[in-house]
Amino acid sequence: MGSPTNKAHLPAAGVRLVDLMQRISFGRIESLAVRDGQPVFDPPPRVIREVKFGGENGPRPEAAKPDFALKAQVRELFAQLVALGDVTIQSIEIKHGLPFKMTVEESAA
């Protein structure tokens, strides 16, 4: 099966991650556990939200919608999670409610 293209096609943990990114809008998610390619929220990740003075700081407009097409960056994030399998992501940087970059610690072996 290919990567989901709509929010409604994501598993519950994926929907939760998309909702979290949209609420953050700008900032990062730290220490996100991933098991079997899916985000895990127990223990909860750390959320760092940036506040831009004179800018838009609220959640993304899509956050209120039950379904919408996933942007390429979100589909790529979920593909990376599946490829990584079991890992703790050090950081996912969020810009405009979308994943911008991710930091993952890996062993050198």
PDB file of N, CA and C in Angstrom:
ATOM      1  N   MET A   1       0.842  -1.180   0.000  1.00  0.00           N
ATOM      2  CA  MET A   1       0.000   0.000   0.000  1.00  0.00           C
ATOM      3  C   MET A   1       0.882   1.236   0.000  1.00  0.00           C
ATOM      4  N   GLY A   2       0.520   2.252  -0.771  1.00  0.00           N
ATOM      5  CA  GLY A   2       1.300   3.473  -0.852  1.00  0.00           C
ATOM      6  C   GLY A   2       1.057   4.371   0.349  1.00  0.00           C
ATOM      7  N   SER A   3       1.757   5.463   0.359  1.00  0.00           N
ATOM      8  CA  SER A   3       1.629   6.449   1.423  1.00  0.00           C
ATOM      9  C   SER A   3       0.260   7.126   1.342  1.00  0.00           C
ATOM     10  N   PRO A   4      -0.388   7.374   2.497  1.00  0.00           N
ATOM     11  CA  PRO A   4      -1.696   8.050   2.471  1.00  0.00           C
ATOM     12  C   PRO A   4      -1.581   9.438   1.833  1.00  0.00           C
ATOM     13  N   THR A   5      -2.608   9.808   1.091  1.00  0.00           N
ATOM     14  CA  THR A   5      -2.608  11.105   0.423  1.00  0.00           C
ATOM     15  C   THR A   5      -3.564  12.096   1.080  1.00  0.00           C
ATOM     16  N   ASN A   6      -4.438  11.611   1.964  1.00  0.00           N
ATOM     17  CA  ASN A   6      -5.391  12.465   2.662  1.00  0.00           C
ATOM     18  C   ASN A   6      -5.299  12.219   4.164  1.00  0.00           C
ATOM     19  N   LYS A   7      -5.625  13.249   4.931  1.00  0.00           N
ATOM     20  CA  LYS A   7      -5.601  13.141   6.388  1.00  0.00           C
ATOM     21  C   LYS A   7      -6.501  12.004   6.871  1.00  0.00           C
ATOM     22  N   ALA A   8      -7.667  11.855   6.281  1.00  0.00           N
ATOM     23  CA  ALA A   8      -8.627  10.835   6.711  1.00  0.00           C
ATOM     24  C   ALA A   8      -8.104   9.414   6.513  1.00  0.00           C
ATOM     25  N   HIS A   9      -7.093   9.228   5.666  1.00  0.00           N
ATOM     26  CA  HIS A   9      -6.544   7.898   5.410  1.00  0.00           C
ATOM     27  C   HIS A   9      -5.402   7.535   6.355  1.00  0.00           C
ATOM     28  N   LEU A  10      -5.012   8.476   7.226  1.00  0.00           N
ATOM     29  CA  LEU A  10      -3.932   8.212   8.174  1.00  0.00           C
ATOM     30  C   LEU A  10      -4.440   7.417   9.369  1.00  0.00           C
ATOM     31  N   PRO A  11      -3.572   6.608   9.985  1.00  0.00           N
ATOM     32  CA  PRO A  11      -3.949   5.999  11.259  1.00  0.00           C
ATOM     33  C   PRO A  11      -4.097   7.093  12.321  1.00  0.00           C
ATOM     34  N   ALA A  12      -4.736   6.766  13.432  1.00  0.00           N
ATOM     35  CA  ALA A  12      -5.021   7.753  14.479  1.00  0.00           C
ATOM     36  C   ALA A  12      -3.767   8.500  14.932  1.00  0.00           C
ATOM     37  N   ALA A  13      -2.645   7.809  15.089  1.00  0.00           N
ATOM     38  CA  ALA A  13      -1.410   8.460  15.530  1.00  0.00           C
ATOM     39  C   ALA A  13      -0.906   9.445  14.477  1.00  0.00           C
ATOM     40  N   GLY A  14      -1.096   9.130  13.208  1.00  0.00           N
ATOM     41  CA  GLY A  14      -0.705  10.039  12.132  1.00  0.00           C
ATOM     42  C   GLY A  14      -1.558  11.294  12.122  1.00  0.00           C
ATOM     43  N   VAL A  15      -2.865  11.128  12.328  1.00  0.00           N
ATOM     44  CA  VAL A  15      -3.773  12.279  12.415  1.00  0.00           C
ATOM     45  C   VAL A  15      -3.359  13.165  13.581  1.00  0.00           C
ATOM     46  N   ARG A  16      -3.018  12.539  14.693  1.00  0.00           N
ATOM     47  CA  ARG A  16      -2.598  13.303  15.871  1.00  0.00           C
ATOM     48  C   ARG A  16      -1.329  14.112  15.581  1.00  0.00           C
ATOM     49  N   LEU A  17      -0.386  13.529  14.858  1.00  0.00           N
ATOM     50  CA  LEU A  17       0.840  14.243  14.516  1.00  0.00           C
ATOM     51  C   LEU A  17       0.554  15.408  13.563  1.00  0.00           C
ATOM     52  N   VAL A  18      -0.268  15.188  12.567  1.00  0.00           N
ATOM     53  CA  VAL A  18      -0.633  16.262  11.633  1.00  0.00           C
ATOM     54  C   VAL A  18      -1.332  17.389  12.393  1.00  0.00           C
ATOM     55  N   ASP A  19      -2.277  17.035  13.268  1.00  0.00           N
ATOM     56  CA  ASP A  19      -2.985  18.048  14.058  1.00  0.00           C
ATOM     57  C   ASP A  19      -2.006  18.842  14.925  1.00  0.00           C
ATOM     58  N   LEU A  20      -1.050  18.156  15.542  1.00  0.00           N
ATOM     59  CA  LEU A  20      -0.058  18.818  16.385  1.00  0.00           C
ATOM     60  C   LEU A  20       0.785  19.793  15.562  1.00  0.00           C
ATOM     61  N   MET A  21       1.251  19.370  14.398  1.00  0.00           N
ATOM     62  CA  MET A  21       2.057  20.255  13.548  1.00  0.00           C
ATOM     63  C   MET A  21       1.256  21.493  13.147  1.00  0.00           C
ATOM     64  N   GLN A  22      -0.024  21.318  12.864  1.00  0.00           N
ATOM     65  CA  GLN A  22      -0.846  22.448  12.448  1.00  0.00           C
ATOM     66  C   GLN A  22      -1.131  23.400  13.604  1.00  0.00           C
ATOM     67  N   ARG A  23      -1.246  22.856  14.819  1.00  0.00           N
ATOM     68  CA  ARG A  23      -1.438  23.723  15.981  1.00  0.00           C
ATOM     69  C   ARG A  23      -0.167  24.508  16.293  1.00  0.00           C
ATOM     70  N   ILE A  24       0.996  23.874  16.130  1.00  0.00           N
ATOM     71  CA  ILE A  24       2.271  24.541  16.395  1.00  0.00           C
ATOM     72  C   ILE A  24       2.491  25.664  15.396  1.00  0.00           C
ATOM     73  N   SER A  25       2.235  25.400  14.135  1.00  0.00           N
ATOM     74  CA  SER A  25       2.444  26.315  13.009  1.00  0.00           C
ATOM     75  C   SER A  25       3.926  26.616  12.785  1.00  0.00           C
ATOM     76  N   PHE A  26       4.616  27.171  13.780  1.00  0.00           N
ATOM     77  CA  PHE A  26       6.059  27.405  13.708  1.00  0.00           C
ATOM     78  C   PHE A  26       6.690  26.908  15.005  1.00  0.00           C
ATOM     79  N   GLY A  27       7.717  26.093  14.898  1.00  0.00           N
ATOM     80  CA  GLY A  27       8.393  25.578  16.084  1.00  0.00           C
ATOM     81  C   GLY A  27       8.978  24.211  15.807  1.00  0.00           C
ATOM     82  N   ARG A  28       8.980  23.357  16.845  1.00  0.00           N
ATOM     83  CA  ARG A  28       9.512  22.010  16.651  1.00  0.00           C
ATOM     84  C   ARG A  28       8.911  21.027  17.649  1.00  0.00           C
ATOM     85  N   ILE A  29       9.000  19.778  17.273  1.00  0.00           N
ATOM     86  CA  ILE A  29       8.606  18.662  18.120  1.00  0.00           C
ATOM     87  C   ILE A  29       9.887  17.918  18.447  1.00  0.00           C
ATOM     88  N   GLU A  30      10.129  17.683  19.724  1.00  0.00           N
ATOM     89  CA  GLU A  30      11.356  17.013  20.151  1.00  0.00           C
ATOM     90  C   GLU A  30      11.032  15.704  20.858  1.00  0.00           C
ATOM     91  N   SER A  31      11.942  14.760  20.725  1.00  0.00           N
ATOM     92  CA  SER A  31      11.858  13.459  21.414  1.00  0.00           C
ATOM     93  C   SER A  31      10.566  12.714  21.088  1.00  0.00           C
ATOM     94  N   LEU A  32      10.272  12.610  19.798  1.00  0.00           N
ATOM     95  CA  LEU A  32       9.088  11.870  19.352  1.00  0.00           C
ATOM     96  C   LEU A  32       9.470  10.417  19.114  1.00  0.00           C
ATOM     97  N   ALA A  33       8.869   9.528  19.874  1.00  0.00           N
ATOM     98  CA  ALA A  33       9.117   8.097  19.694  1.00  0.00           C
ATOM     99  C   ALA A  33       8.365   7.605  18.456  1.00  0.00           C
ATOM    100  N   VAL A  34       9.004   6.690  17.738  1.00  0.00           N
ATOM    101  CA  VAL A  34       8.390   6.058  16.564  1.00  0.00           C
ATOM    102  C   VAL A  34       8.527   4.554  16.747  1.00  0.00           C
ATOM    103  N   ARG A  35       7.419   3.837  16.651  1.00  0.00           N
ATOM    104  CA  ARG A  35       7.414   2.375  16.765  1.00  0.00           C
ATOM    105  C   ARG A  35       6.678   1.802  15.568  1.00  0.00           C
ATOM    106  N   ASP A  36       7.325   0.866  14.914  1.00  0.00           N
ATOM    107  CA  ASP A  36       6.745   0.248  13.710  1.00  0.00           C
ATOM    108  C   ASP A  36       6.342   1.302  12.683  1.00  0.00           C
ATOM    109  N   GLY A  37       7.129   2.376  12.594  1.00  0.00           N
ATOM    110  CA  GLY A  37       6.884   3.412  11.599  1.00  0.00           C
ATOM    111  C   GLY A  37       5.782   4.391  11.935  1.00  0.00           C
ATOM    112  N   GLN A  38       5.230   4.304  13.156  1.00  0.00           N
ATOM    113  CA  GLN A  38       4.137   5.188  13.560  1.00  0.00           C
ATOM    114  C   GLN A  38       4.563   6.036  14.760  1.00  0.00           C
ATOM    115  N   PRO A  39       4.152   7.314  14.796  1.00  0.00           N
ATOM    116  CA  PRO A  39       4.477   8.144  15.953  1.00  0.00           C
ATOM    117  C   PRO A  39       3.781   7.613  17.204  1.00  0.00           C
ATOM    118  N   VAL A  40       4.465   7.733  18.341  1.00  0.00           N
ATOM    119  CA  VAL A  40       3.935   7.287  19.626  1.00  0.00           C
ATOM    120  C   VAL A  40       3.924   8.493  20.557  1.00  0.00           C
ATOM    121  N   PHE A  41       2.833   8.698  21.262  1.00  0.00           N
ATOM    122  CA  PHE A  41       2.698   9.869  22.117  1.00  0.00           C
ATOM    123  C   PHE A  41       2.755   9.535  23.601  1.00  0.00           C
ATOM    124  N   ASP A  42       3.263   8.351  23.923  1.00  0.00           N
ATOM    125  CA  ASP A  42       3.465   7.954  25.311  1.00  0.00           C
ATOM    126  C   ASP A  42       4.872   7.383  25.437  1.00  0.00           C
ATOM    127  N   PRO A  43       5.811   8.156  25.942  1.00  0.00           N
ATOM    128  CA  PRO A  43       5.669   9.459  26.586  1.00  0.00           C
ATOM    129  C   PRO A  43       5.436  10.566  25.554  1.00  0.00           C
ATOM    130  N   PRO A  44       4.796  11.644  25.997  1.00  0.00           N
ATOM    131  CA  PRO A  44       4.521  12.732  25.061  1.00  0.00           C
ATOM    132  C   PRO A  44       5.801  13.428  24.619  1.00  0.00           C
ATOM    133  N   PRO A  45       5.861  13.839  23.349  1.00  0.00           N
ATOM    134  CA  PRO A  45       7.035  14.589  22.883  1.00  0.00           C
ATOM    135  C   PRO A  45       7.027  15.994  23.488  1.00  0.00           C
ATOM    136  N   ARG A  46       8.161  16.627  23.431  1.00  0.00           N
ATOM    137  CA  ARG A  46       8.278  18.015  23.878  1.00  0.00           C
ATOM    138  C   ARG A  46       7.929  18.906  22.691  1.00  0.00           C
ATOM    139  N   VAL A  47       7.139  19.953  22.935  1.00  0.00           N
ATOM    140  CA  VAL A  47       6.722  20.873  21.878  1.00  0.00           C
ATOM    141  C   VAL A  47       7.287  22.252  22.174  1.00  0.00           C
ATOM    142  N   ILE A  48       7.992  22.805  21.204  1.00  0.00           N
ATOM    143  CA  ILE A  48       8.539  24.155  21.289  1.00  0.00           C
ATOM    144  C   ILE A  48       7.856  24.964  20.196  1.00  0.00           C
ATOM    145  N   ARG A  49       7.068  25.969  20.593  1.00  0.00           N
ATOM    146  CA  ARG A  49       6.352  26.782  19.610  1.00  0.00           C
ATOM    147  C   ARG A  49       7.001  28.153  19.524  1.00  0.00           C
ATOM    148  N   GLU A  50       7.245  28.613  18.305  1.00  0.00           N
ATOM    149  CA  GLU A  50       7.790  29.954  18.085  1.00  0.00           C
ATOM    150  C   GLU A  50       6.638  30.938  17.966  1.00  0.00           C
ATOM    151  N   VAL A  51       6.816  32.104  18.565  1.00  0.00           N
ATOM    152  CA  VAL A  51       5.840  33.185  18.463  1.00  0.00           C
ATOM    153  C   VAL A  51       6.501  34.302  17.673  1.00  0.00           C
ATOM    154  N   LYS A  52       5.870  34.690  16.581  1.00  0.00           N
ATOM    155  CA  LYS A  52       6.400  35.749  15.725  1.00  0.00           C
ATOM    156  C   LYS A  52       5.601  37.030  15.989  1.00  0.00           C
ATOM    157  N   PHE A  53       6.278  38.039  16.507  1.00  0.00           N
ATOM    158  CA  PHE A  53       5.611  39.301  16.797  1.00  0.00           C
ATOM    159  C   PHE A  53       5.227  39.992  15.490  1.00  0.00           C
ATOM    160  N   GLY A  54       3.982  40.421  15.434  1.00  0.00           N
ATOM    161  CA  GLY A  54       3.484  41.063  14.228  1.00  0.00           C
ATOM    162  C   GLY A  54       3.163  40.073  13.121  1.00  0.00           C
ATOM    163  N   GLY A  55       3.224  38.774  13.440  1.00  0.00           N
ATOM    164  CA  GLY A  55       2.969  37.742  12.431  1.00  0.00           C
ATOM    165  C   GLY A  55       1.796  36.860  12.822  1.00  0.00           C
ATOM    166  N   GLU A  56       1.521  35.908  11.996  1.00  0.00           N
ATOM    167  CA  GLU A  56       0.444  34.948  12.215  1.00  0.00           C
ATOM    168  C   GLU A  56       0.942  33.850  13.156  1.00  0.00           C
ATOM    169  N   ASN A  57       0.308  33.725  14.327  1.00  0.00           N
ATOM    170  CA  ASN A  57       0.757  32.756  15.326  1.00  0.00           C
ATOM    171  C   ASN A  57      -0.272  31.671  15.638  1.00  0.00           C
ATOM    172  N   GLY A  58      -1.455  31.777  15.098  1.00  0.00           N
ATOM    173  CA  GLY A  58      -2.490  30.797  15.394  1.00  0.00           C
ATOM    174  C   GLY A  58      -2.302  29.517  14.611  1.00  0.00           C
ATOM    175  N   PRO A  59      -3.145  28.547  14.909  1.00  0.00           N
ATOM    176  CA  PRO A  59      -3.074  27.291  14.159  1.00  0.00           C
ATOM    177  C   PRO A  59      -3.421  27.504  12.691  1.00  0.00           C
ATOM    178  N   ARG A  60      -2.983  26.570  11.867  1.00  0.00           N
ATOM    179  CA  ARG A  60      -3.264  26.627  10.434  1.00  0.00           C
ATOM    180  C   ARG A  60      -4.773  26.490  10.208  1.00  0.00           C
ATOM    181  N   PRO A  61      -5.310  27.119   9.162  1.00  0.00           N
ATOM    182  CA  PRO A  61      -6.751  27.024   8.889  1.00  0.00           C
ATOM    183  C   PRO A  61      -7.219  25.586   8.679  1.00  0.00           C
ATOM    184  N   GLU A  62      -6.337  24.731   8.146  1.00  0.00           N
ATOM    185  CA  GLU A  62      -6.704  23.337   7.880  1.00  0.00           C
ATOM    186  C   GLU A  62      -6.951  22.556   9.162  1.00  0.00           C
ATOM    187  N   ALA A  63      -6.444  23.034  10.295  1.00  0.00           N
ATOM    188  CA  ALA A  63      -6.553  22.299  11.558  1.00  0.00           C
ATOM    189  C   ALA A  63      -8.006  21.983  11.913  1.00  0.00           C
ATOM    190  N   ALA A  64      -8.938  22.814  11.504  1.00  0.00           N
ATOM    191  CA  ALA A  64     -10.346  22.601  11.822  1.00  0.00           C
ATOM    192  C   ALA A  64     -11.032  21.621  10.863  1.00  0.00           C
ATOM    193  N   LYS A  65     -10.366  21.242   9.801  1.00  0.00           N
ATOM    194  CA  LYS A  65     -10.978  20.368   8.806  1.00  0.00           C
ATOM    195  C   LYS A  65     -10.734  18.893   9.135  1.00  0.00           C
ATOM    196  N   PRO A  66     -11.749  18.045   8.996  1.00  0.00           N
ATOM    197  CA  PRO A  66     -11.557  16.616   9.267  1.00  0.00           C
ATOM    198  C   PRO A  66     -10.751  15.897   8.182  1.00  0.00           C
ATOM    199  N   ASP A  67     -10.728  16.474   6.972  1.00  0.00           N
ATOM    200  CA  ASP A  67      -9.984  15.832   5.893  1.00  0.00           C
ATOM    201  C   ASP A  67      -9.495  16.881   4.901  1.00  0.00           C
ATOM    202  N   PHE A  68      -8.331  16.617   4.334  1.00  0.00           N
ATOM    203  CA  PHE A  68      -7.749  17.437   3.278  1.00  0.00           C
ATOM    204  C   PHE A  68      -6.584  16.659   2.699  1.00  0.00           C
ATOM    205  N   ALA A  69      -6.159  17.049   1.507  1.00  0.00           N
ATOM    206  CA  ALA A  69      -5.012  16.401   0.863  1.00  0.00           C
ATOM    207  C   ALA A  69      -3.740  16.756   1.621  1.00  0.00           C
ATOM    208  N   LEU A  70      -2.900  15.756   1.848  1.00  0.00           N
ATOM    209  CA  LEU A  70      -1.630  15.972   2.542  1.00  0.00           C
ATOM    210  C   LEU A  70      -0.605  16.551   1.583  1.00  0.00           C
ATOM    211  N   LYS A  71       0.100  17.574   2.018  1.00  0.00           N
ATOM    212  CA  LYS A  71       1.173  18.171   1.220  1.00  0.00           C
ATOM    213  C   LYS A  71       2.330  17.181   1.098  1.00  0.00           C
ATOM    214  N   ALA A  72       3.156  17.390   0.081  1.00  0.00           N
ATOM    215  CA  ALA A  72       4.284  16.491  -0.178  1.00  0.00           C
ATOM    216  C   ALA A  72       5.198  16.341   1.033  1.00  0.00           C
ATOM    217  N   GLN A  73       5.420  17.425   1.783  1.00  0.00           N
ATOM    218  CA  GLN A  73       6.305  17.360   2.945  1.00  0.00           C
ATOM    219  C   GLN A  73       5.760  16.406   4.015  1.00  0.00           C
ATOM    220  N   VAL A  74       4.452  16.400   4.199  1.00  0.00           N
ATOM    221  CA  VAL A  74       3.832  15.520   5.196  1.00  0.00           C
ATOM    222  C   VAL A  74       3.922  14.071   4.725  1.00  0.00           C
ATOM    223  N   ARG A  75       3.654  13.829   3.453  1.00  0.00           N
ATOM    224  CA  ARG A  75       3.765  12.467   2.913  1.00  0.00           C
ATOM    225  C   ARG A  75       5.200  11.960   3.036  1.00  0.00           C
ATOM    226  N   GLU A  76       6.179  12.845   2.787  1.00  0.00           N
ATOM    227  CA  GLU A  76       7.586  12.458   2.900  1.00  0.00           C
ATOM    228  C   GLU A  76       7.953  12.152   4.350  1.00  0.00           C
ATOM    229  N   LEU A  77       7.428  12.945   5.296  1.00  0.00           N
ATOM    230  CA  LEU A  77       7.675  12.672   6.714  1.00  0.00           C
ATOM    231  C   LEU A  77       7.187  11.277   7.080  1.00  0.00           C
ATOM    232  N   PHE A  78       5.965  10.937   6.688  1.00  0.00           N
ATOM    233  CA  PHE A  78       5.435   9.616   7.030  1.00  0.00           C
ATOM    234  C   PHE A  78       6.201   8.493   6.333  1.00  0.00           C
ATOM    235  N   ALA A  79       6.660   8.720   5.131  1.00  0.00           N
ATOM    236  CA  ALA A  79       7.499   7.726   4.451  1.00  0.00           C
ATOM    237  C   ALA A  79       8.804   7.520   5.218  1.00  0.00           C
ATOM    238  N   GLN A  80       9.381   8.608   5.727  1.00  0.00           N
ATOM    239  CA  GLN A  80      10.607   8.497   6.528  1.00  0.00           C
ATOM    240  C   GLN A  80      10.350   7.718   7.815  1.00  0.00           C
ATOM    241  N   LEU A  81       9.224   7.969   8.466  1.00  0.00           N
ATOM    242  CA  LEU A  81       8.903   7.250   9.703  1.00  0.00           C
ATOM    243  C   LEU A  81       8.809   5.754   9.446  1.00  0.00           C
ATOM    244  N   VAL A  82       8.157   5.378   8.355  1.00  0.00           N
ATOM    245  CA  VAL A  82       8.046   3.955   7.999  1.00  0.00           C
ATOM    246  C   VAL A  82       9.429   3.370   7.738  1.00  0.00           C
ATOM    247  N   ALA A  83      10.267   4.105   7.017  1.00  0.00           N
ATOM    248  CA  ALA A  83      11.617   3.621   6.705  1.00  0.00           C
ATOM    249  C   ALA A  83      12.462   3.468   7.969  1.00  0.00           C
ATOM    250  N   LEU A  84      12.275   4.361   8.939  1.00  0.00           N
ATOM    251  CA  LEU A  84      13.058   4.304  10.168  1.00  0.00           C
ATOM    252  C   LEU A  84      12.598   3.192  11.102  1.00  0.00           C
ATOM    253  N   GLY A  85      11.318   2.881  11.085  1.00  0.00           N
ATOM    254  CA  GLY A  85      10.794   1.784  11.911  1.00  0.00           C
ATOM    255  C   GLY A  85      10.671   2.146  13.367  1.00  0.00           C
ATOM    256  N   ASP A  86      11.694   1.804  14.170  1.00  0.00           N
ATOM    257  CA  ASP A  86      11.706   2.069  15.608  1.00  0.00           C
ATOM    258  C   ASP A  86      12.858   3.016  15.916  1.00  0.00           C
ATOM    259  N   VAL A  87      12.526   4.224  16.368  1.00  0.00           N
ATOM    260  CA  VAL A  87      13.541   5.242  16.608  1.00  0.00           C
ATOM    261  C   VAL A  87      12.926   6.343  17.471  1.00  0.00           C
ATOM    262  N   THR A  88      13.756   7.159  18.048  1.00  0.00           N
ATOM    263  CA  THR A  88      13.295   8.397  18.670  1.00  0.00           C
ATOM    264  C   THR A  88      13.839   9.545  17.836  1.00  0.00           C
ATOM    265  N   ILE A  89      12.951  10.362  17.339  1.00  0.00           N
ATOM    266  CA  ILE A  89      13.347  11.508  16.528  1.00  0.00           C
ATOM    267  C   ILE A  89      13.731  12.631  17.478  1.00  0.00           C
ATOM    268  N   GLN A  90      14.935  13.137  17.320  1.00  0.00           N
ATOM    269  CA  GLN A  90      15.380  14.225  18.185  1.00  0.00           C
ATOM    270  C   GLN A  90      14.550  15.476  17.967  1.00  0.00           C
ATOM    271  N   SER A  91      14.286  15.818  16.700  1.00  0.00           N
ATOM    272  CA  SER A  91      13.574  17.058  16.432  1.00  0.00           C
ATOM    273  C   SER A  91      12.936  17.042  15.044  1.00  0.00           C
ATOM    274  N   ILE A  92      11.729  17.568  14.963  1.00  0.00           N
ATOM    275  CA  ILE A  92      11.078  17.858  13.681  1.00  0.00           C
ATOM    276  C   ILE A  92      10.792  19.353  13.692  1.00  0.00           C
ATOM    277  N   GLU A  93      11.408  20.081  12.777  1.00  0.00           N
ATOM    278  CA  GLU A  93      11.172  21.515  12.684  1.00  0.00           C
ATOM    279  C   GLU A  93       9.919  21.749  11.850  1.00  0.00           C
ATOM    280  N   ILE A  94       9.041  22.618  12.354  1.00  0.00           N
ATOM    281  CA  ILE A  94       7.754  22.896  11.717  1.00  0.00           C
ATOM    282  C   ILE A  94       7.733  24.337  11.231  1.00  0.00           C
ATOM    283  N   LYS A  95       7.368  24.535   9.964  1.00  0.00           N
ATOM    284  CA  LYS A  95       7.172  25.872   9.399  1.00  0.00           C
ATOM    285  C   LYS A  95       5.847  25.883   8.652  1.00  0.00           C
ATOM    286  N   HIS A  96       5.003  26.862   8.966  1.00  0.00           N
ATOM    287  CA  HIS A  96       3.674  26.981   8.341  1.00  0.00           C
ATOM    288  C   HIS A  96       2.860  25.702   8.533  1.00  0.00           C
ATOM    289  N   GLY A  97       3.048  25.015   9.668  1.00  0.00           N
ATOM    290  CA  GLY A  97       2.297  23.794   9.956  1.00  0.00           C
ATOM    291  C   GLY A  97       2.792  22.560   9.229  1.00  0.00           C
ATOM    292  N   LEU A  98       3.911  22.682   8.503  1.00  0.00           N
ATOM    293  CA  LEU A  98       4.459  21.567   7.732  1.00  0.00           C
ATOM    294  C   LEU A  98       5.837  21.174   8.253  1.00  0.00           C
ATOM    295  N   PRO A  99       6.166  19.879   8.155  1.00  0.00           N
ATOM    296  CA  PRO A  99       7.519  19.483   8.552  1.00  0.00           C
ATOM    297  C   PRO A  99       8.535  20.067   7.574  1.00  0.00           C
ATOM    298  N   PHE A 100       9.579  20.686   8.125  1.00  0.00           N
ATOM    299  CA  PHE A 100      10.603  21.316   7.297  1.00  0.00           C
ATOM    300  C   PHE A 100      11.879  20.480   7.285  1.00  0.00           C
ATOM    301  N   LYS A 101      12.315  20.048   8.469  1.00  0.00           N
ATOM    302  CA  LYS A 101      13.475  19.156   8.549  1.00  0.00           C
ATOM    303  C   LYS A 101      13.381  18.347   9.821  1.00  0.00           C
ATOM    304  N   MET A 102      14.129  17.239   9.833  1.00  0.00           N
ATOM    305  CA  MET A 102      14.075  16.287  10.935  1.00  0.00           C
ATOM    306  C   MET A 102      15.491  15.895  11.318  1.00  0.00           C
ATOM    307  N   THR A 103      15.718  15.736  12.628  1.00  0.00           N
ATOM    308  CA  THR A 103      17.008  15.288  13.126  1.00  0.00           C
ATOM    309  C   THR A 103      16.823  13.938  13.808  1.00  0.00           C
ATOM    310  N   VAL A 104      17.579  12.946  13.346  1.00  0.00           N
ATOM    311  CA  VAL A 104      17.483  11.589  13.889  1.00  0.00           C
ATOM    312  C   VAL A 104      18.878  11.133  14.274  1.00  0.00           C
ATOM    313  N   GLU A 105      19.028  10.606  15.480  1.00  0.00           N
ATOM    314  CA  GLU A 105      20.308  10.054  15.892  1.00  0.00           C
ATOM    315  C   GLU A 105      20.386   8.607  15.423  1.00  0.00           C
ATOM    316  N   GLU A 106      21.504   8.275  14.773  1.00  0.00           N
ATOM    317  CA  GLU A 106      21.716   6.910  14.286  1.00  0.00           C
ATOM    318  C   GLU A 106      23.073   6.416  14.742  1.00  0.00           C
ATOM    319  N   SER A 107      23.224   5.111  14.870  1.00  0.00           N
ATOM    320  CA  SER A 107      24.533   4.589  15.231  1.00  0.00           C
ATOM    321  C   SER A 107      25.428   4.561  13.997  1.00  0.00           C
ATOM    322  N   ALA A 108      26.720   4.640  14.230  1.00  0.00           N
ATOM    323  CA  ALA A 108      27.685   4.655  13.136  1.00  0.00           C
ATOM    324  C   ALA A 108      27.958   3.264  12.584  1.00  0.00           C
ATOM    325  N   ALA A 109      27.494   2.242  13.262  1.00  0.00           N
ATOM    326  CA  ALA A 109      27.786   0.870  12.847  1.00  0.00           C
ATOM    327  C   ALA A 109      27.086   0.454  11.608  1.00  0.00           C
TER     328      ALA A 109
END
